[in-house]
Amino acid sequence: SSMTVFLVFMTAGENHYPAAFSVRAFDYIRKPAEESQIRRILEDVVRFRRKRAQFYRAPQAENLKVPYSEIRYICSDRNYLRLAVSKGSNLRFRTTFKSAVGQLQDDPRFLIINRGILVNMQHIRNMTNPSCYMDDGTVFPVNRRKAALLQKTYKKWLLSTHSSAPSYM
């Protein structure tokens, strides 16, 4: 089984956000910490772990069950959907991009970067205008009109309570 480490950056000083960002901290607290802050972070951890356990189910393939955390990206391919998973394989099945987005849209890890392309931000290596570089070497075009907003969303996600240190086996 995999274990996830939830790193919380705690400091008395100001302007340490870049340091927290560089270590992909789950959260950031300024001292003195209050009990309510710690309780909120623990609740976020529980909520995050629960979300990680969710599974994507393909409507036309009842026995296909993929954990959200294993999904790298989903691309529409005419009437089919191509789903890339962490273990390196690609799944292809008949369904709409809209139905996949409908299942995954409430999970903060997923971002539509262009028409028919949904990525799991945990698997982005870098995002620039006009490209999104995934950790498996895949490069996607980023919607040019929304590039600044998409980059801002990605950076915000990295700093948000939904970000955590990488999983280790």
N, C-alpha and C. Protein backbone atom coordinates (compact mmCIF):
# COMPACT_ATOMS: atom_id res chain seq x y z
N SER A 1 0.84 -1.19 0.00
CA SER A 1 0.00 0.00 0.00
C SER A 1 0.88 1.24 0.00
N SER A 2 0.33 2.35 -0.47
CA SER A 2 1.12 3.57 -0.52
C SER A 2 0.80 4.43 0.69
N MET A 3 1.78 5.22 1.08
CA MET A 3 1.62 6.09 2.22
C MET A 3 1.81 7.53 1.75
N THR A 4 0.95 8.42 2.18
CA THR A 4 1.08 9.82 1.83
C THR A 4 1.50 10.59 3.06
N VAL A 5 2.46 11.47 2.89
CA VAL A 5 2.93 12.32 3.98
C VAL A 5 2.27 13.69 3.81
N PHE A 6 1.71 14.21 4.89
CA PHE A 6 1.07 15.51 4.86
C PHE A 6 1.98 16.49 5.61
N LEU A 7 2.68 17.30 4.87
CA LEU A 7 3.64 18.24 5.43
C LEU A 7 2.95 19.58 5.69
N VAL A 8 3.02 20.05 6.94
CA VAL A 8 2.45 21.36 7.29
C VAL A 8 3.61 22.28 7.64
N PHE A 9 3.71 23.37 6.92
CA PHE A 9 4.79 24.35 7.10
C PHE A 9 4.37 25.30 8.22
N MET A 10 5.19 25.39 9.29
CA MET A 10 4.86 26.26 10.41
C MET A 10 6.03 27.21 10.66
N THR A 11 5.73 28.51 10.74
CA THR A 11 6.80 29.49 10.92
C THR A 11 6.30 30.69 11.72
N ALA A 12 7.22 31.33 12.42
CA ALA A 12 6.88 32.55 13.15
C ALA A 12 7.06 33.77 12.25
N GLY A 13 7.92 33.62 11.24
CA GLY A 13 8.23 34.74 10.35
C GLY A 13 7.20 34.90 9.25
N GLU A 14 7.36 35.95 8.48
CA GLU A 14 6.48 36.20 7.35
C GLU A 14 7.23 35.89 6.06
N ASN A 15 6.50 35.87 4.97
CA ASN A 15 7.09 35.70 3.63
C ASN A 15 7.83 34.38 3.43
N HIS A 16 7.32 33.32 4.05
CA HIS A 16 7.92 32.00 3.84
C HIS A 16 7.08 31.14 2.91
N TYR A 17 6.10 31.76 2.25
CA TYR A 17 5.25 31.01 1.31
C TYR A 17 6.08 30.33 0.21
N PRO A 18 7.11 31.00 -0.36
CA PRO A 18 7.89 30.30 -1.40
C PRO A 18 8.54 29.01 -0.89
N ALA A 19 8.99 29.01 0.36
CA ALA A 19 9.60 27.80 0.92
C ALA A 19 8.55 26.70 1.06
N ALA A 20 7.36 27.07 1.53
CA ALA A 20 6.28 26.09 1.66
C ALA A 20 5.90 25.57 0.28
N PHE A 21 5.87 26.46 -0.70
CA PHE A 21 5.54 26.09 -2.07
C PHE A 21 6.57 25.10 -2.62
N SER A 22 7.85 25.35 -2.37
CA SER A 22 8.92 24.51 -2.93
C SER A 22 8.91 23.09 -2.37
N VAL A 23 8.41 22.91 -1.15
CA VAL A 23 8.34 21.56 -0.59
C VAL A 23 6.94 20.96 -0.73
N ARG A 24 6.05 21.67 -1.45
CA ARG A 24 4.68 21.22 -1.71
C ARG A 24 3.96 20.89 -0.41
N ALA A 25 4.03 21.84 0.52
CA ALA A 25 3.38 21.66 1.83
C ALA A 25 1.87 21.51 1.66
N PHE A 26 1.28 20.71 2.52
CA PHE A 26 -0.17 20.51 2.53
C PHE A 26 -0.87 21.76 3.05
N ASP A 27 -0.24 22.43 4.01
CA ASP A 27 -0.81 23.66 4.54
C ASP A 27 0.29 24.51 5.14
N TYR A 28 -0.08 25.71 5.56
CA TYR A 28 0.87 26.71 6.05
C TYR A 28 0.25 27.37 7.28
N ILE A 29 0.99 27.40 8.39
CA ILE A 29 0.50 28.03 9.62
C ILE A 29 1.55 29.02 10.12
N ARG A 30 1.06 30.19 10.54
CA ARG A 30 1.95 31.16 11.20
C ARG A 30 1.79 31.00 12.70
N LYS A 31 2.91 30.99 13.41
CA LYS A 31 2.88 30.90 14.87
C LYS A 31 2.42 32.23 15.44
N PRO A 32 1.76 32.25 16.58
CA PRO A 32 1.37 31.06 17.35
C PRO A 32 0.15 30.38 16.71
N ALA A 33 0.20 29.08 16.63
CA ALA A 33 -0.89 28.31 16.03
C ALA A 33 -2.06 28.22 17.01
N GLU A 34 -3.26 28.29 16.45
CA GLU A 34 -4.45 28.17 17.27
C GLU A 34 -5.04 26.78 17.08
N GLU A 35 -5.71 26.30 18.11
CA GLU A 35 -6.33 24.98 18.07
C GLU A 35 -7.27 24.84 16.87
N SER A 36 -8.02 25.92 16.56
CA SER A 36 -8.98 25.88 15.45
C SER A 36 -8.27 25.65 14.11
N GLN A 37 -7.05 26.23 13.95
CA GLN A 37 -6.28 26.03 12.72
C GLN A 37 -5.86 24.57 12.59
N ILE A 38 -5.37 24.01 13.68
CA ILE A 38 -4.91 22.62 13.67
C ILE A 38 -6.08 21.68 13.41
N ARG A 39 -7.22 21.95 14.03
CA ARG A 39 -8.42 21.13 13.82
C ARG A 39 -8.83 21.19 12.34
N ARG A 40 -8.81 22.41 11.75
CA ARG A 40 -9.19 22.57 10.33
C ARG A 40 -8.25 21.76 9.43
N ILE A 41 -6.96 21.81 9.72
CA ILE A 41 -5.99 21.07 8.90
C ILE A 41 -6.23 19.57 9.02
N LEU A 42 -6.49 19.08 10.22
CA LEU A 42 -6.75 17.65 10.41
C LEU A 42 -8.02 17.24 9.65
N GLU A 43 -9.04 18.10 9.68
CA GLU A 43 -10.27 17.82 8.93
C GLU A 43 -9.99 17.79 7.43
N ASP A 44 -9.12 18.72 6.96
CA ASP A 44 -8.74 18.74 5.54
C ASP A 44 -8.01 17.45 5.15
N VAL A 45 -7.13 16.97 6.03
CA VAL A 45 -6.40 15.73 5.76
C VAL A 45 -7.39 14.56 5.61
N VAL A 46 -8.34 14.48 6.52
CA VAL A 46 -9.34 13.41 6.47
C VAL A 46 -10.14 13.51 5.17
N ARG A 47 -10.58 14.74 4.82
CA ARG A 47 -11.34 14.95 3.59
C ARG A 47 -10.51 14.59 2.35
N PHE A 48 -9.25 15.00 2.36
CA PHE A 48 -8.33 14.72 1.25
C PHE A 48 -8.14 13.20 1.08
N ARG A 49 -7.92 12.50 2.19
CA ARG A 49 -7.71 11.04 2.12
C ARG A 49 -8.97 10.34 1.60
N ARG A 50 -10.14 10.83 2.01
CA ARG A 50 -11.40 10.24 1.56
C ARG A 50 -11.54 10.44 0.05
N LYS A 51 -11.22 11.64 -0.44
CA LYS A 51 -11.32 11.92 -1.87
C LYS A 51 -10.35 11.05 -2.66
N ARG A 52 -9.15 10.83 -2.12
CA ARG A 52 -8.16 10.01 -2.82
C ARG A 52 -8.66 8.59 -3.03
N ALA A 53 -9.56 8.15 -2.18
CA ALA A 53 -10.04 6.78 -2.26
C ALA A 53 -11.18 6.62 -3.28
N GLN A 54 -11.60 7.73 -3.91
CA GLN A 54 -12.68 7.65 -4.88
C GLN A 54 -12.24 6.92 -6.14
N PHE A 55 -13.22 6.29 -6.81
CA PHE A 55 -12.93 5.53 -8.02
C PHE A 55 -13.70 6.09 -9.20
N TYR A 56 -13.04 6.11 -10.35
CA TYR A 56 -13.71 6.48 -11.59
C TYR A 56 -14.33 5.21 -12.17
N ARG A 57 -15.60 5.29 -12.51
CA ARG A 57 -16.30 4.14 -13.11
C ARG A 57 -16.77 4.53 -14.49
N ALA A 58 -16.39 3.73 -15.49
CA ALA A 58 -16.81 4.01 -16.86
C ALA A 58 -18.22 3.46 -17.08
N PRO A 59 -19.13 4.29 -17.62
CA PRO A 59 -20.52 3.86 -17.82
C PRO A 59 -20.66 2.61 -18.70
N GLN A 60 -19.83 2.51 -19.74
CA GLN A 60 -19.96 1.38 -20.66
C GLN A 60 -19.11 0.17 -20.26
N ALA A 61 -18.30 0.31 -19.24
CA ALA A 61 -17.46 -0.81 -18.79
C ALA A 61 -17.63 -0.94 -17.28
N GLU A 62 -18.69 -1.64 -16.88
CA GLU A 62 -19.07 -1.71 -15.46
C GLU A 62 -17.95 -2.19 -14.55
N ASN A 63 -17.09 -3.09 -15.07
CA ASN A 63 -16.04 -3.65 -14.21
C ASN A 63 -14.79 -2.76 -14.15
N LEU A 64 -14.79 -1.65 -14.88
CA LEU A 64 -13.64 -0.75 -14.85
C LEU A 64 -13.77 0.21 -13.67
N LYS A 65 -12.81 0.12 -12.75
CA LYS A 65 -12.81 0.94 -11.54
C LYS A 65 -11.39 1.46 -11.34
N VAL A 66 -11.18 2.75 -11.57
CA VAL A 66 -9.84 3.33 -11.47
C VAL A 66 -9.83 4.37 -10.35
N PRO A 67 -8.91 4.22 -9.37
CA PRO A 67 -8.83 5.24 -8.31
C PRO A 67 -8.49 6.60 -8.92
N TYR A 68 -9.15 7.65 -8.44
CA TYR A 68 -8.88 9.01 -8.94
C TYR A 68 -7.38 9.31 -8.92
N SER A 69 -6.71 8.90 -7.84
CA SER A 69 -5.28 9.21 -7.68
C SER A 69 -4.43 8.56 -8.76
N GLU A 70 -4.94 7.50 -9.41
CA GLU A 70 -4.19 6.80 -10.46
C GLU A 70 -4.38 7.42 -11.84
N ILE A 71 -5.36 8.31 -11.99
CA ILE A 71 -5.63 8.91 -13.30
C ILE A 71 -4.63 10.02 -13.56
N ARG A 72 -3.89 9.91 -14.67
CA ARG A 72 -2.96 10.98 -15.08
C ARG A 72 -3.71 12.04 -15.86
N TYR A 73 -4.43 11.60 -16.88
CA TYR A 73 -5.22 12.51 -17.71
C TYR A 73 -6.26 11.74 -18.48
N ILE A 74 -7.25 12.48 -18.98
CA ILE A 74 -8.31 11.91 -19.81
C ILE A 74 -8.43 12.78 -21.05
N CYS A 75 -8.47 12.14 -22.21
CA CYS A 75 -8.60 12.86 -23.48
C CYS A 75 -9.76 12.29 -24.27
N SER A 76 -10.52 13.19 -24.90
CA SER A 76 -11.57 12.71 -25.78
C SER A 76 -10.94 12.31 -27.10
N ASP A 77 -11.46 11.25 -27.68
CA ASP A 77 -10.95 10.71 -28.93
C ASP A 77 -12.17 10.30 -29.74
N ARG A 78 -12.76 11.27 -30.43
CA ARG A 78 -14.03 11.12 -31.14
C ARG A 78 -15.11 10.63 -30.18
N ASN A 79 -15.66 9.44 -30.38
CA ASN A 79 -16.70 8.92 -29.47
C ASN A 79 -16.11 8.10 -28.32
N TYR A 80 -14.81 8.13 -28.21
CA TYR A 80 -14.13 7.35 -27.18
C TYR A 80 -13.42 8.27 -26.20
N LEU A 81 -13.01 7.67 -25.10
CA LEU A 81 -12.26 8.38 -24.09
C LEU A 81 -10.96 7.61 -23.87
N ARG A 82 -9.85 8.33 -23.84
CA ARG A 82 -8.56 7.72 -23.56
C ARG A 82 -8.17 8.15 -22.16
N LEU A 83 -7.96 7.17 -21.29
CA LEU A 83 -7.64 7.43 -19.90
C LEU A 83 -6.24 6.89 -19.61
N ALA A 84 -5.32 7.76 -19.24
CA ALA A 84 -3.95 7.34 -18.91
C ALA A 84 -3.85 7.19 -17.40
N VAL A 85 -3.35 6.05 -16.96
CA VAL A 85 -3.21 5.80 -15.53
C VAL A 85 -1.74 5.77 -15.13
N SER A 86 -1.50 5.94 -13.83
CA SER A 86 -0.14 6.05 -13.29
C SER A 86 0.77 4.88 -13.66
N LYS A 87 0.21 3.71 -13.75
CA LYS A 87 1.04 2.53 -14.02
C LYS A 87 1.50 2.48 -15.48
N GLY A 88 1.17 3.52 -16.25
CA GLY A 88 1.70 3.62 -17.60
C GLY A 88 0.77 3.13 -18.70
N SER A 89 -0.32 2.47 -18.35
CA SER A 89 -1.19 1.94 -19.39
C SER A 89 -2.24 2.97 -19.79
N ASN A 90 -2.78 2.81 -20.99
CA ASN A 90 -3.87 3.65 -21.47
C ASN A 90 -5.11 2.79 -21.61
N LEU A 91 -6.21 3.29 -21.13
CA LEU A 91 -7.49 2.59 -21.29
C LEU A 91 -8.28 3.38 -22.32
N ARG A 92 -9.02 2.69 -23.16
CA ARG A 92 -9.84 3.36 -24.16
C ARG A 92 -11.21 2.72 -24.16
N PHE A 93 -12.23 3.53 -24.01
CA PHE A 93 -13.58 2.98 -23.99
C PHE A 93 -14.55 4.02 -24.53
N ARG A 94 -15.72 3.53 -24.88
CA ARG A 94 -16.73 4.38 -25.51
C ARG A 94 -17.55 5.10 -24.46
N THR A 95 -17.37 6.39 -24.36
CA THR A 95 -18.17 7.26 -23.50
C THR A 95 -17.85 8.70 -23.87
N THR A 96 -18.57 9.63 -23.29
CA THR A 96 -18.33 11.03 -23.62
C THR A 96 -17.39 11.69 -22.63
N PHE A 97 -16.70 12.70 -23.10
CA PHE A 97 -15.82 13.50 -22.26
C PHE A 97 -16.65 14.16 -21.15
N LYS A 98 -17.83 14.61 -21.52
CA LYS A 98 -18.74 15.28 -20.57
C LYS A 98 -19.08 14.37 -19.39
N SER A 99 -19.30 13.08 -19.65
CA SER A 99 -19.64 12.17 -18.55
C SER A 99 -18.45 11.97 -17.60
N ALA A 100 -17.25 11.93 -18.16
CA ALA A 100 -16.05 11.78 -17.33
C ALA A 100 -15.87 13.02 -16.46
N VAL A 101 -16.02 14.20 -17.08
CA VAL A 101 -15.89 15.45 -16.35
C VAL A 101 -16.95 15.53 -15.26
N GLY A 102 -18.14 15.05 -15.56
CA GLY A 102 -19.22 15.03 -14.57
C GLY A 102 -18.85 14.26 -13.32
N GLN A 103 -18.12 13.16 -13.49
CA GLN A 103 -17.70 12.36 -12.33
C GLN A 103 -16.55 13.01 -11.57
N LEU A 104 -15.64 13.66 -12.29
CA LEU A 104 -14.40 14.15 -11.68
C LEU A 104 -14.38 15.63 -11.31
N GLN A 105 -15.40 16.38 -11.74
CA GLN A 105 -15.34 17.84 -11.60
C GLN A 105 -15.30 18.35 -10.15
N ASP A 106 -15.79 17.58 -9.20
CA ASP A 106 -15.78 18.03 -7.81
C ASP A 106 -14.45 17.77 -7.11
N ASP A 107 -13.55 17.02 -7.77
CA ASP A 107 -12.25 16.73 -7.17
C ASP A 107 -11.29 17.85 -7.58
N PRO A 108 -10.70 18.55 -6.61
CA PRO A 108 -9.86 19.71 -6.94
C PRO A 108 -8.57 19.37 -7.69
N ARG A 109 -8.21 18.10 -7.78
CA ARG A 109 -6.99 17.72 -8.51
C ARG A 109 -7.14 17.83 -10.01
N PHE A 110 -8.39 17.81 -10.52
CA PHE A 110 -8.61 17.73 -11.96
C PHE A 110 -8.89 19.10 -12.58
N LEU A 111 -8.28 19.33 -13.74
CA LEU A 111 -8.36 20.62 -14.41
C LEU A 111 -8.50 20.39 -15.92
N ILE A 112 -9.49 21.05 -16.52
CA ILE A 112 -9.62 21.00 -17.97
C ILE A 112 -8.69 22.07 -18.52
N ILE A 113 -7.67 21.66 -19.28
CA ILE A 113 -6.68 22.61 -19.78
C ILE A 113 -6.94 23.00 -21.23
N ASN A 114 -7.77 22.22 -21.91
CA ASN A 114 -8.13 22.52 -23.29
C ASN A 114 -9.34 21.68 -23.65
N ARG A 115 -9.91 21.95 -24.79
CA ARG A 115 -11.09 21.19 -25.20
C ARG A 115 -10.76 19.70 -25.28
N GLY A 116 -11.50 18.91 -24.50
CA GLY A 116 -11.31 17.46 -24.52
C GLY A 116 -10.09 16.95 -23.77
N ILE A 117 -9.47 17.79 -22.95
CA ILE A 117 -8.28 17.36 -22.19
C ILE A 117 -8.45 17.73 -20.72
N LEU A 118 -8.51 16.71 -19.87
CA LEU A 118 -8.63 16.89 -18.43
C LEU A 118 -7.39 16.26 -17.79
N VAL A 119 -6.68 17.02 -16.96
CA VAL A 119 -5.46 16.49 -16.35
C VAL A 119 -5.58 16.44 -14.83
N ASN A 120 -4.87 15.49 -14.24
CA ASN A 120 -4.74 15.41 -12.79
C ASN A 120 -3.51 16.24 -12.44
N MET A 121 -3.69 17.33 -11.70
CA MET A 121 -2.59 18.24 -11.41
C MET A 121 -1.46 17.59 -10.62
N GLN A 122 -1.73 16.46 -9.97
CA GLN A 122 -0.67 15.73 -9.27
C GLN A 122 0.38 15.21 -10.25
N HIS A 123 0.00 15.09 -11.53
CA HIS A 123 0.90 14.52 -12.54
C HIS A 123 1.45 15.56 -13.50
N ILE A 124 1.26 16.84 -13.20
CA ILE A 124 1.85 17.89 -14.04
C ILE A 124 3.28 18.14 -13.57
N ARG A 125 4.21 18.16 -14.52
CA ARG A 125 5.59 18.48 -14.19
C ARG A 125 5.80 19.99 -14.28
N ASN A 126 5.16 20.62 -15.29
CA ASN A 126 5.30 22.07 -15.48
C ASN A 126 4.18 22.56 -16.39
N MET A 127 3.73 23.79 -16.17
CA MET A 127 2.73 24.37 -17.06
C MET A 127 3.19 25.75 -17.48
N THR A 128 3.28 25.93 -18.79
CA THR A 128 3.66 27.23 -19.34
C THR A 128 2.60 27.61 -20.37
N ASN A 129 2.74 28.78 -20.94
CA ASN A 129 1.89 29.15 -22.07
C ASN A 129 2.73 28.87 -23.31
N PRO A 130 2.43 27.91 -24.15
CA PRO A 130 1.13 27.28 -24.34
C PRO A 130 1.09 25.78 -24.03
N SER A 131 1.95 25.26 -23.13
CA SER A 131 2.02 23.81 -22.96
C SER A 131 1.91 23.35 -21.52
N CYS A 132 1.39 22.12 -21.38
CA CYS A 132 1.31 21.46 -20.09
C CYS A 132 2.14 20.18 -20.19
N TYR A 133 3.17 20.08 -19.37
CA TYR A 133 4.09 18.94 -19.40
C TYR A 133 3.73 17.97 -18.28
N MET A 134 3.40 16.75 -18.67
CA MET A 134 3.00 15.74 -17.70
C MET A 134 4.22 14.92 -17.26
N ASP A 135 4.10 14.22 -16.13
CA ASP A 135 5.23 13.46 -15.59
C ASP A 135 5.57 12.20 -16.38
N ASP A 136 4.74 11.84 -17.36
CA ASP A 136 5.06 10.68 -18.21
C ASP A 136 5.66 11.12 -19.55
N GLY A 137 5.94 12.42 -19.69
CA GLY A 137 6.53 12.93 -20.93
C GLY A 137 5.52 13.48 -21.93
N THR A 138 4.23 13.27 -21.69
CA THR A 138 3.20 13.78 -22.58
C THR A 138 3.14 15.31 -22.46
N VAL A 139 2.98 15.96 -23.60
CA VAL A 139 2.84 17.42 -23.61
C VAL A 139 1.51 17.76 -24.27
N PHE A 140 0.70 18.55 -23.57
CA PHE A 140 -0.60 18.97 -24.09
C PHE A 140 -0.59 20.46 -24.38
N PRO A 141 -1.37 20.87 -25.39
CA PRO A 141 -1.53 22.31 -25.60
C PRO A 141 -2.49 22.87 -24.56
N VAL A 142 -2.19 24.05 -24.06
CA VAL A 142 -3.04 24.73 -23.09
C VAL A 142 -3.89 25.74 -23.86
N ASN A 143 -5.15 25.86 -23.50
CA ASN A 143 -6.04 26.83 -24.12
C ASN A 143 -5.41 28.22 -23.98
N ARG A 144 -5.07 28.82 -25.11
CA ARG A 144 -4.34 30.10 -25.10
C ARG A 144 -5.11 31.23 -24.42
N ARG A 145 -6.42 31.30 -24.66
CA ARG A 145 -7.22 32.37 -24.07
C ARG A 145 -7.31 32.23 -22.55
N LYS A 146 -7.22 31.00 -22.06
CA LYS A 146 -7.36 30.75 -20.62
C LYS A 146 -6.03 30.41 -19.96
N ALA A 147 -4.92 30.54 -20.69
CA ALA A 147 -3.61 30.10 -20.19
C ALA A 147 -3.24 30.73 -18.85
N ALA A 148 -3.40 32.05 -18.73
CA ALA A 148 -3.02 32.73 -17.48
C ALA A 148 -3.87 32.22 -16.31
N LEU A 149 -5.17 32.08 -16.54
CA LEU A 149 -6.07 31.57 -15.49
C LEU A 149 -5.73 30.13 -15.13
N LEU A 150 -5.43 29.30 -16.12
CA LEU A 150 -5.08 27.90 -15.87
C LEU A 150 -3.79 27.80 -15.07
N GLN A 151 -2.80 28.61 -15.42
CA GLN A 151 -1.53 28.60 -14.68
C GLN A 151 -1.76 29.06 -13.24
N LYS A 152 -2.59 30.08 -13.06
CA LYS A 152 -2.91 30.58 -11.73
C LYS A 152 -3.62 29.51 -10.91
N THR A 153 -4.57 28.80 -11.54
CA THR A 153 -5.30 27.72 -10.87
C THR A 153 -4.34 26.62 -10.44
N TYR A 154 -3.42 26.26 -11.33
CA TYR A 154 -2.44 25.21 -11.02
C TYR A 154 -1.55 25.64 -9.85
N LYS A 155 -1.03 26.87 -9.89
CA LYS A 155 -0.16 27.35 -8.81
C LYS A 155 -0.92 27.42 -7.49
N LYS A 156 -2.16 27.88 -7.55
CA LYS A 156 -3.00 27.96 -6.36
C LYS A 156 -3.23 26.56 -5.79
N TRP A 157 -3.46 25.59 -6.67
CA TRP A 157 -3.66 24.21 -6.23
C TRP A 157 -2.40 23.69 -5.53
N LEU A 158 -1.23 24.01 -6.10
CA LEU A 158 0.02 23.54 -5.49
C LEU A 158 0.18 24.07 -4.06
N LEU A 159 -0.28 25.29 -3.83
CA LEU A 159 -0.16 25.89 -2.50
C LEU A 159 -1.34 25.58 -1.58
N SER A 160 -2.39 25.04 -2.16
CA SER A 160 -3.62 24.85 -1.40
C SER A 160 -3.56 23.66 -0.45
N THR A 161 -4.59 23.51 0.30
CA THR A 161 -4.69 22.38 1.23
C THR A 161 -4.86 21.05 0.50
N HIS A 162 -5.05 21.10 -0.82
CA HIS A 162 -5.22 19.86 -1.57
C HIS A 162 -3.91 19.32 -2.10
N SER A 163 -2.83 20.03 -1.86
CA SER A 163 -1.52 19.58 -2.30
C SER A 163 -0.84 18.85 -1.17
N SER A 164 -0.04 17.88 -1.51
CA SER A 164 0.72 17.16 -0.48
C SER A 164 2.01 16.64 -1.08
N ALA A 165 2.85 16.13 -0.22
CA ALA A 165 4.09 15.55 -0.69
C ALA A 165 3.78 14.33 -1.56
N PRO A 166 4.70 13.95 -2.44
CA PRO A 166 4.44 12.78 -3.31
C PRO A 166 4.23 11.51 -2.49
N SER A 167 3.50 10.57 -3.07
CA SER A 167 3.27 9.28 -2.42
C SER A 167 4.49 8.39 -2.60
N TYR A 168 4.78 7.62 -1.61
CA TYR A 168 5.86 6.66 -1.70
C TYR A 168 5.30 5.27 -1.51
N MET A 169 5.83 4.32 -2.23
CA MET A 169 5.35 2.93 -2.13
C MET A 169 5.95 2.27 -0.91
